[in-house]
């Protein structure tokens, strides 16, 4: 696909890691130490995915109500902008960032031919000061697998 005769490359597309990435792919010796997606009952937000890892919440400081509110405002503004741009008619039709088929569909909508894909939260999980280097390396291997 080309737009106006040019091939388009997105050099900063982000994906959300699937919720079972760590359970499925980390070595068994580290399984009890993986990031955990909080359930709706355990979370402080019905709308945001919240992870816990090494006694921290991710996205960073999302357990602070002010940070949570800012995240919700950003998400709502993005949805309004996406509807206005014609990406979809209803924000409920927004594509999921952890689904490769949705990512390809989004690329088609945007006219993107090639993407360089970056992990989103996985980079934050391994950037914790003082994290056991063996655990960090195991998490990188799990992500790559």
N, C-alpha and C. Protein backbone atom coordinates (compact mmCIF):
# COMPACT_ATOMS: atom_id res chain seq x y z
N UNK A 1 0.85 -1.16 0.00
CA UNK A 1 0.00 0.00 0.00
C UNK A 1 0.90 1.23 0.00
N UNK A 2 0.53 2.22 -0.73
CA UNK A 2 1.28 3.47 -0.75
C UNK A 2 0.29 4.62 -0.64
N UNK A 3 0.70 5.65 0.03
CA UNK A 3 -0.14 6.85 0.19
C UNK A 3 0.53 7.96 -0.61
N UNK A 4 -0.19 8.48 -1.59
CA UNK A 4 0.34 9.53 -2.46
C UNK A 4 1.67 9.13 -3.08
N UNK A 5 1.81 7.85 -3.40
CA UNK A 5 3.03 7.37 -4.03
C UNK A 5 4.16 7.06 -3.08
N UNK A 6 3.96 7.25 -1.80
CA UNK A 6 5.00 6.99 -0.80
C UNK A 6 4.61 5.82 0.08
N UNK A 7 5.60 5.04 0.46
CA UNK A 7 5.37 4.02 1.48
C UNK A 7 5.54 4.70 2.83
N UNK A 8 4.66 4.37 3.76
CA UNK A 8 4.65 5.03 5.06
C UNK A 8 5.15 4.06 6.12
N UNK A 9 6.08 4.56 6.97
CA UNK A 9 6.62 3.75 8.05
C UNK A 9 6.32 4.46 9.37
N UNK A 10 5.79 3.72 10.32
CA UNK A 10 5.59 4.21 11.68
C UNK A 10 6.76 3.69 12.50
N UNK A 11 7.58 4.59 12.99
CA UNK A 11 8.79 4.15 13.70
C UNK A 11 8.62 4.17 15.21
N UNK A 12 7.37 4.27 15.68
CA UNK A 12 7.17 4.33 17.13
C UNK A 12 5.78 3.80 17.50
N UNK A 13 5.43 2.64 16.96
CA UNK A 13 4.14 2.05 17.30
C UNK A 13 4.32 1.21 18.57
N UNK A 14 3.37 1.32 19.46
CA UNK A 14 3.46 0.58 20.73
C UNK A 14 2.35 -0.46 20.80
N UNK A 15 2.66 -1.55 21.45
CA UNK A 15 1.68 -2.60 21.67
C UNK A 15 1.56 -2.83 23.17
N UNK A 16 0.41 -3.29 23.58
CA UNK A 16 0.22 -3.72 24.96
C UNK A 16 0.50 -5.21 25.01
N UNK A 17 1.32 -5.58 25.97
CA UNK A 17 1.63 -6.99 26.12
C UNK A 17 0.36 -7.74 26.50
N UNK A 18 0.18 -8.95 25.95
CA UNK A 18 -1.01 -9.72 26.34
C UNK A 18 -0.94 -10.05 27.83
N UNK A 19 -2.08 -10.11 28.49
CA UNK A 19 -2.08 -10.31 29.94
C UNK A 19 -1.44 -11.61 30.40
N UNK A 20 -1.36 -12.59 29.53
CA UNK A 20 -0.78 -13.88 29.94
C UNK A 20 0.66 -14.07 29.45
N UNK A 21 1.28 -13.01 28.94
CA UNK A 21 2.64 -13.12 28.40
C UNK A 21 3.59 -13.75 29.41
N UNK A 22 3.60 -13.23 30.63
CA UNK A 22 4.58 -13.71 31.62
C UNK A 22 4.27 -15.13 32.06
N UNK A 23 2.99 -15.43 32.30
CA UNK A 23 2.61 -16.78 32.71
C UNK A 23 3.00 -17.81 31.67
N UNK A 24 2.82 -17.47 30.41
CA UNK A 24 3.09 -18.42 29.33
C UNK A 24 4.57 -18.58 29.02
N UNK A 25 5.34 -17.52 29.18
CA UNK A 25 6.68 -17.54 28.59
C UNK A 25 7.85 -17.43 29.55
N UNK A 26 7.59 -17.12 30.82
CA UNK A 26 8.75 -17.00 31.72
C UNK A 26 9.16 -18.39 32.23
N UNK A 27 10.41 -18.53 32.53
CA UNK A 27 10.91 -19.78 33.07
C UNK A 27 10.25 -20.07 34.42
N UNK A 28 10.01 -21.33 34.68
CA UNK A 28 9.24 -21.72 35.87
C UNK A 28 9.87 -21.22 37.17
N UNK A 29 11.18 -21.07 37.21
CA UNK A 29 11.85 -20.60 38.44
C UNK A 29 11.41 -19.18 38.82
N UNK A 30 10.88 -18.42 37.87
CA UNK A 30 10.49 -17.02 38.14
C UNK A 30 8.98 -16.81 38.10
N UNK A 31 8.23 -17.86 37.92
CA UNK A 31 6.78 -17.74 37.75
C UNK A 31 6.09 -17.05 38.93
N UNK A 32 6.58 -17.27 40.14
CA UNK A 32 5.94 -16.65 41.31
C UNK A 32 6.29 -15.17 41.46
N UNK A 33 7.15 -14.65 40.59
CA UNK A 33 7.60 -13.25 40.71
C UNK A 33 7.17 -12.38 39.52
N UNK A 34 6.30 -12.88 38.67
CA UNK A 34 5.94 -12.16 37.45
C UNK A 34 5.00 -10.99 37.74
N UNK A 35 4.93 -10.03 36.82
CA UNK A 35 3.91 -8.98 36.93
C UNK A 35 2.53 -9.62 36.85
N UNK A 36 1.62 -9.08 37.64
CA UNK A 36 0.24 -9.60 37.67
C UNK A 36 -0.73 -8.49 37.29
N UNK A 37 -1.63 -8.80 36.39
CA UNK A 37 -2.69 -7.87 36.03
C UNK A 37 -3.75 -7.94 37.12
N UNK A 38 -4.07 -6.82 37.69
CA UNK A 38 -5.04 -6.80 38.79
C UNK A 38 -6.44 -7.02 38.23
N UNK A 39 -7.21 -7.78 38.97
CA UNK A 39 -8.61 -8.00 38.56
C UNK A 39 -9.40 -6.74 38.87
N UNK A 40 -10.58 -6.62 38.28
CA UNK A 40 -11.45 -5.47 38.54
C UNK A 40 -11.72 -5.33 40.04
N UNK A 41 -11.85 -6.45 40.73
CA UNK A 41 -12.13 -6.40 42.16
C UNK A 41 -10.94 -5.87 42.95
N UNK A 42 -9.72 -6.17 42.48
CA UNK A 42 -8.52 -5.75 43.20
C UNK A 42 -7.99 -4.40 42.74
N UNK A 43 -8.45 -3.95 41.60
CA UNK A 43 -7.93 -2.74 41.00
C UNK A 43 -8.63 -1.51 41.57
N UNK A 44 -8.05 -0.35 41.32
CA UNK A 44 -8.66 0.89 41.75
C UNK A 44 -9.33 1.59 40.58
N UNK A 45 -9.44 0.91 39.42
CA UNK A 45 -10.06 1.53 38.26
C UNK A 45 -10.82 0.47 37.48
N UNK A 46 -12.02 0.81 37.06
CA UNK A 46 -12.79 -0.10 36.21
C UNK A 46 -12.38 0.01 34.75
N UNK A 47 -11.67 1.10 34.39
CA UNK A 47 -11.37 1.35 32.99
C UNK A 47 -9.92 1.14 32.61
N UNK A 48 -9.02 1.16 33.56
CA UNK A 48 -7.60 1.05 33.25
C UNK A 48 -7.06 -0.31 33.66
N UNK A 49 -6.21 -0.87 32.82
CA UNK A 49 -5.50 -2.08 33.22
C UNK A 49 -4.39 -1.68 34.16
N UNK A 50 -4.33 -2.33 35.29
CA UNK A 50 -3.33 -1.99 36.30
C UNK A 50 -2.54 -3.25 36.64
N UNK A 51 -1.24 -3.14 36.53
CA UNK A 51 -0.34 -4.24 36.82
C UNK A 51 0.34 -3.99 38.17
N UNK A 52 0.69 -5.06 38.86
CA UNK A 52 1.50 -5.00 40.08
C UNK A 52 2.73 -5.85 39.85
N UNK A 53 3.87 -5.28 40.24
CA UNK A 53 5.13 -5.99 40.10
C UNK A 53 6.13 -5.39 41.08
N UNK A 54 6.75 -6.27 41.86
CA UNK A 54 7.75 -5.84 42.84
C UNK A 54 7.20 -4.71 43.72
N UNK A 55 5.98 -4.89 44.19
CA UNK A 55 5.31 -3.94 45.08
C UNK A 55 5.07 -2.56 44.47
N UNK A 56 5.02 -2.49 43.14
CA UNK A 56 4.74 -1.23 42.46
C UNK A 56 3.56 -1.44 41.50
N UNK A 57 2.85 -0.36 41.23
CA UNK A 57 1.77 -0.38 40.26
C UNK A 57 2.26 0.17 38.94
N UNK A 58 1.74 -0.37 37.86
CA UNK A 58 2.07 0.10 36.51
C UNK A 58 0.79 0.28 35.73
N UNK A 59 0.64 1.32 34.95
CA UNK A 59 1.60 2.38 34.71
C UNK A 59 2.06 3.03 36.02
N UNK A 60 3.23 3.64 35.96
CA UNK A 60 3.84 4.19 37.17
C UNK A 60 2.89 5.16 37.88
N UNK A 61 2.79 4.99 39.17
CA UNK A 61 2.01 5.85 40.05
C UNK A 61 0.51 5.85 39.74
N UNK A 62 0.02 4.85 39.01
CA UNK A 62 -1.40 4.81 38.66
C UNK A 62 -2.27 4.56 39.88
N UNK A 63 -1.65 4.16 40.99
CA UNK A 63 -2.42 4.00 42.22
C UNK A 63 -2.71 5.34 42.89
N UNK A 64 -2.11 6.41 42.40
CA UNK A 64 -2.41 7.76 42.87
C UNK A 64 -3.66 8.25 42.11
N UNK A 65 -4.74 8.63 42.82
CA UNK A 65 -5.97 9.04 42.15
C UNK A 65 -5.78 10.19 41.15
N UNK A 66 -4.83 11.09 41.41
CA UNK A 66 -4.57 12.20 40.47
C UNK A 66 -3.99 11.66 39.17
N UNK A 67 -3.06 10.73 39.27
CA UNK A 67 -2.44 10.14 38.07
C UNK A 67 -3.47 9.35 37.29
N UNK A 68 -4.33 8.63 38.00
CA UNK A 68 -5.39 7.85 37.36
C UNK A 68 -6.32 8.78 36.59
N UNK A 69 -6.70 9.90 37.20
CA UNK A 69 -7.59 10.85 36.55
C UNK A 69 -6.94 11.42 35.30
N UNK A 70 -5.66 11.75 35.35
CA UNK A 70 -4.96 12.25 34.16
C UNK A 70 -4.95 11.21 33.04
N UNK A 71 -4.74 9.96 33.40
CA UNK A 71 -4.75 8.89 32.39
C UNK A 71 -6.13 8.77 31.75
N UNK A 72 -7.17 8.89 32.57
CA UNK A 72 -8.53 8.82 32.03
C UNK A 72 -8.83 10.00 31.11
N UNK A 73 -8.37 11.20 31.47
CA UNK A 73 -8.57 12.38 30.63
C UNK A 73 -7.85 12.20 29.30
N UNK A 74 -6.59 11.74 29.33
CA UNK A 74 -5.84 11.50 28.09
C UNK A 74 -6.55 10.48 27.20
N UNK A 75 -7.04 9.40 27.82
CA UNK A 75 -7.73 8.36 27.05
C UNK A 75 -9.00 8.92 26.42
N UNK A 76 -9.76 9.70 27.18
CA UNK A 76 -11.00 10.28 26.66
C UNK A 76 -10.72 11.27 25.53
N UNK A 77 -9.70 12.12 25.69
CA UNK A 77 -9.34 13.09 24.64
C UNK A 77 -8.91 12.36 23.37
N UNK A 78 -8.16 11.29 23.53
CA UNK A 78 -7.73 10.52 22.36
C UNK A 78 -8.94 9.92 21.64
N UNK A 79 -9.90 9.41 22.40
CA UNK A 79 -11.10 8.83 21.79
C UNK A 79 -11.87 9.88 21.01
N UNK A 80 -12.02 11.07 21.57
CA UNK A 80 -12.72 12.16 20.87
C UNK A 80 -11.99 12.52 19.58
N UNK A 81 -10.65 12.61 19.67
CA UNK A 81 -9.84 12.93 18.49
C UNK A 81 -9.96 11.83 17.44
N UNK A 82 -9.96 10.59 17.85
CA UNK A 82 -10.04 9.49 16.90
C UNK A 82 -11.39 9.45 16.19
N UNK A 83 -12.47 9.75 16.91
CA UNK A 83 -13.79 9.82 16.28
C UNK A 83 -13.80 10.97 15.28
N UNK A 84 -13.27 12.12 15.68
CA UNK A 84 -13.24 13.30 14.79
C UNK A 84 -12.39 13.03 13.55
N UNK A 85 -11.32 12.26 13.69
CA UNK A 85 -10.45 11.93 12.57
C UNK A 85 -11.02 10.82 11.68
N UNK A 86 -12.12 10.21 12.11
CA UNK A 86 -12.74 9.16 11.31
C UNK A 86 -12.14 7.78 11.50
N UNK A 87 -11.35 7.58 12.54
CA UNK A 87 -10.79 6.25 12.77
C UNK A 87 -11.89 5.25 13.09
N UNK A 88 -12.90 5.72 13.79
CA UNK A 88 -14.08 4.92 14.09
C UNK A 88 -15.20 5.87 14.45
N UNK A 89 -16.42 5.37 14.43
CA UNK A 89 -17.58 6.22 14.72
C UNK A 89 -17.92 6.25 16.20
N UNK A 90 -17.58 5.20 16.91
CA UNK A 90 -17.90 5.10 18.32
C UNK A 90 -16.64 4.64 19.05
N UNK A 91 -16.31 5.30 20.16
CA UNK A 91 -15.06 4.93 20.85
C UNK A 91 -15.06 3.47 21.31
N UNK A 92 -16.22 2.85 21.40
CA UNK A 92 -16.29 1.43 21.74
C UNK A 92 -15.68 0.57 20.63
N UNK A 93 -15.53 1.14 19.42
CA UNK A 93 -14.94 0.42 18.30
C UNK A 93 -13.42 0.53 18.26
N UNK A 94 -12.83 1.18 19.26
CA UNK A 94 -11.38 1.34 19.30
C UNK A 94 -10.72 -0.04 19.28
N UNK A 95 -9.61 -0.13 18.60
CA UNK A 95 -8.92 -1.41 18.45
C UNK A 95 -8.05 -1.69 19.67
N UNK A 96 -7.92 -2.95 19.99
CA UNK A 96 -7.13 -3.36 21.15
C UNK A 96 -5.65 -3.42 20.78
N UNK A 97 -4.81 -2.83 21.64
CA UNK A 97 -3.39 -2.76 21.38
C UNK A 97 -2.63 -4.04 21.64
N UNK A 98 -3.29 -5.05 22.22
CA UNK A 98 -2.58 -6.30 22.48
C UNK A 98 -2.98 -7.39 21.49
N UNK A 99 -3.66 -7.00 20.43
CA UNK A 99 -4.15 -7.95 19.44
C UNK A 99 -3.47 -7.66 18.10
N UNK A 100 -2.63 -8.58 17.60
CA UNK A 100 -1.90 -8.30 16.36
C UNK A 100 -2.82 -8.01 15.17
N UNK A 101 -3.96 -8.66 15.12
CA UNK A 101 -4.89 -8.41 14.01
C UNK A 101 -5.44 -6.99 14.08
N UNK A 102 -5.71 -6.52 15.29
CA UNK A 102 -6.18 -5.14 15.46
C UNK A 102 -5.08 -4.15 15.07
N UNK A 103 -3.85 -4.47 15.41
CA UNK A 103 -2.74 -3.58 15.05
C UNK A 103 -2.60 -3.48 13.54
N UNK A 104 -2.74 -4.60 12.83
CA UNK A 104 -2.67 -4.56 11.37
C UNK A 104 -3.83 -3.77 10.78
N UNK A 105 -5.01 -3.93 11.36
CA UNK A 105 -6.17 -3.18 10.91
C UNK A 105 -5.94 -1.68 11.13
N UNK A 106 -5.40 -1.32 12.29
CA UNK A 106 -5.10 0.09 12.58
C UNK A 106 -4.09 0.65 11.58
N UNK A 107 -3.08 -0.16 11.24
CA UNK A 107 -2.10 0.28 10.25
C UNK A 107 -2.79 0.53 8.91
N UNK A 108 -3.70 -0.34 8.53
CA UNK A 108 -4.43 -0.15 7.27
C UNK A 108 -5.25 1.14 7.31
N UNK A 109 -5.93 1.39 8.43
CA UNK A 109 -6.73 2.61 8.57
C UNK A 109 -5.85 3.85 8.43
N UNK A 110 -4.69 3.80 9.01
CA UNK A 110 -3.78 4.94 9.00
C UNK A 110 -2.96 5.03 7.72
N UNK A 111 -2.97 3.97 6.90
CA UNK A 111 -2.16 3.97 5.70
C UNK A 111 -0.69 3.69 5.95
N UNK A 112 -0.41 2.93 7.00
CA UNK A 112 0.97 2.61 7.38
C UNK A 112 1.34 1.27 6.76
N UNK A 113 2.49 1.24 6.08
CA UNK A 113 2.96 0.02 5.42
C UNK A 113 3.85 -0.83 6.30
N UNK A 114 4.71 -0.17 7.08
CA UNK A 114 5.71 -0.87 7.89
C UNK A 114 5.74 -0.21 9.27
N UNK A 115 5.87 -1.03 10.31
CA UNK A 115 5.95 -0.49 11.66
C UNK A 115 7.12 -1.10 12.42
N UNK A 116 7.74 -0.27 13.21
CA UNK A 116 8.71 -0.74 14.18
C UNK A 116 7.96 -0.77 15.50
N UNK A 117 7.82 -1.94 16.07
CA UNK A 117 6.95 -2.14 17.22
C UNK A 117 7.77 -2.13 18.51
N UNK A 118 7.28 -1.37 19.48
CA UNK A 118 7.92 -1.28 20.78
C UNK A 118 7.01 -1.87 21.84
N UNK A 119 7.61 -2.50 22.80
CA UNK A 119 6.83 -2.95 23.95
C UNK A 119 6.42 -1.73 24.75
N UNK A 120 5.41 -1.88 25.54
CA UNK A 120 4.91 -0.74 26.30
C UNK A 120 5.29 -0.90 27.76
N UNK A 121 4.55 -1.71 28.51
CA UNK A 121 4.84 -1.84 29.93
C UNK A 121 6.05 -2.71 30.21
N UNK A 122 6.36 -3.63 29.33
CA UNK A 122 7.48 -4.53 29.60
C UNK A 122 8.77 -3.76 29.84
N UNK A 123 8.96 -2.66 29.15
CA UNK A 123 10.17 -1.86 29.36
C UNK A 123 10.17 -1.24 30.75
N UNK A 124 9.00 -0.89 31.25
CA UNK A 124 8.91 -0.32 32.60
C UNK A 124 9.16 -1.38 33.66
N UNK A 125 8.68 -2.58 33.42
CA UNK A 125 8.85 -3.65 34.41
C UNK A 125 10.32 -3.95 34.66
N UNK A 126 11.13 -3.91 33.62
CA UNK A 126 12.54 -4.28 33.80
C UNK A 126 13.41 -3.10 34.16
N UNK A 127 12.83 -1.91 34.30
CA UNK A 127 13.61 -0.71 34.61
C UNK A 127 13.53 -0.32 36.08
N UNK A 128 13.07 -1.23 36.92
CA UNK A 128 12.95 -0.93 38.34
C UNK A 128 14.34 -0.94 38.98
N UNK A 129 14.65 0.14 39.68
CA UNK A 129 15.93 0.19 40.39
C UNK A 129 16.02 -0.97 41.37
N UNK A 130 17.17 -1.62 41.38
CA UNK A 130 17.41 -2.69 42.33
C UNK A 130 16.77 -4.02 41.97
N UNK A 131 16.16 -4.12 40.78
CA UNK A 131 15.52 -5.37 40.37
C UNK A 131 16.58 -6.46 40.24
N UNK A 132 16.27 -7.63 40.72
CA UNK A 132 17.16 -8.77 40.59
C UNK A 132 17.53 -8.94 39.11
N UNK A 133 18.82 -8.85 38.77
CA UNK A 133 19.22 -8.94 37.36
C UNK A 133 18.81 -10.26 36.70
N UNK A 134 18.77 -11.34 37.49
CA UNK A 134 18.35 -12.62 36.92
C UNK A 134 16.87 -12.60 36.55
N UNK A 135 16.06 -11.96 37.38
CA UNK A 135 14.64 -11.81 37.07
C UNK A 135 14.46 -10.92 35.86
N UNK A 136 15.19 -9.81 35.81
CA UNK A 136 15.11 -8.91 34.67
C UNK A 136 15.47 -9.64 33.37
N UNK A 137 16.53 -10.41 33.39
CA UNK A 137 16.95 -11.16 32.20
C UNK A 137 15.89 -12.20 31.82
N UNK A 138 15.31 -12.86 32.81
CA UNK A 138 14.26 -13.86 32.54
C UNK A 138 13.04 -13.19 31.91
N UNK A 139 12.71 -11.99 32.38
CA UNK A 139 11.57 -11.28 31.81
C UNK A 139 11.85 -10.87 30.37
N UNK A 140 13.07 -10.46 30.08
CA UNK A 140 13.44 -10.13 28.69
C UNK A 140 13.33 -11.37 27.81
N UNK A 141 13.83 -12.49 28.29
CA UNK A 141 13.72 -13.73 27.50
C UNK A 141 12.25 -14.09 27.27
N UNK A 142 11.44 -13.95 28.31
CA UNK A 142 10.00 -14.26 28.17
C UNK A 142 9.37 -13.36 27.13
N UNK A 143 9.67 -12.06 27.17
CA UNK A 143 9.11 -11.13 26.19
C UNK A 143 9.53 -11.52 24.78
N UNK A 144 10.83 -11.81 24.62
CA UNK A 144 11.34 -12.17 23.29
C UNK A 144 10.74 -13.49 22.78
N UNK A 145 10.45 -14.39 23.70
CA UNK A 145 9.84 -15.65 23.28
C UNK A 145 8.39 -15.45 22.90
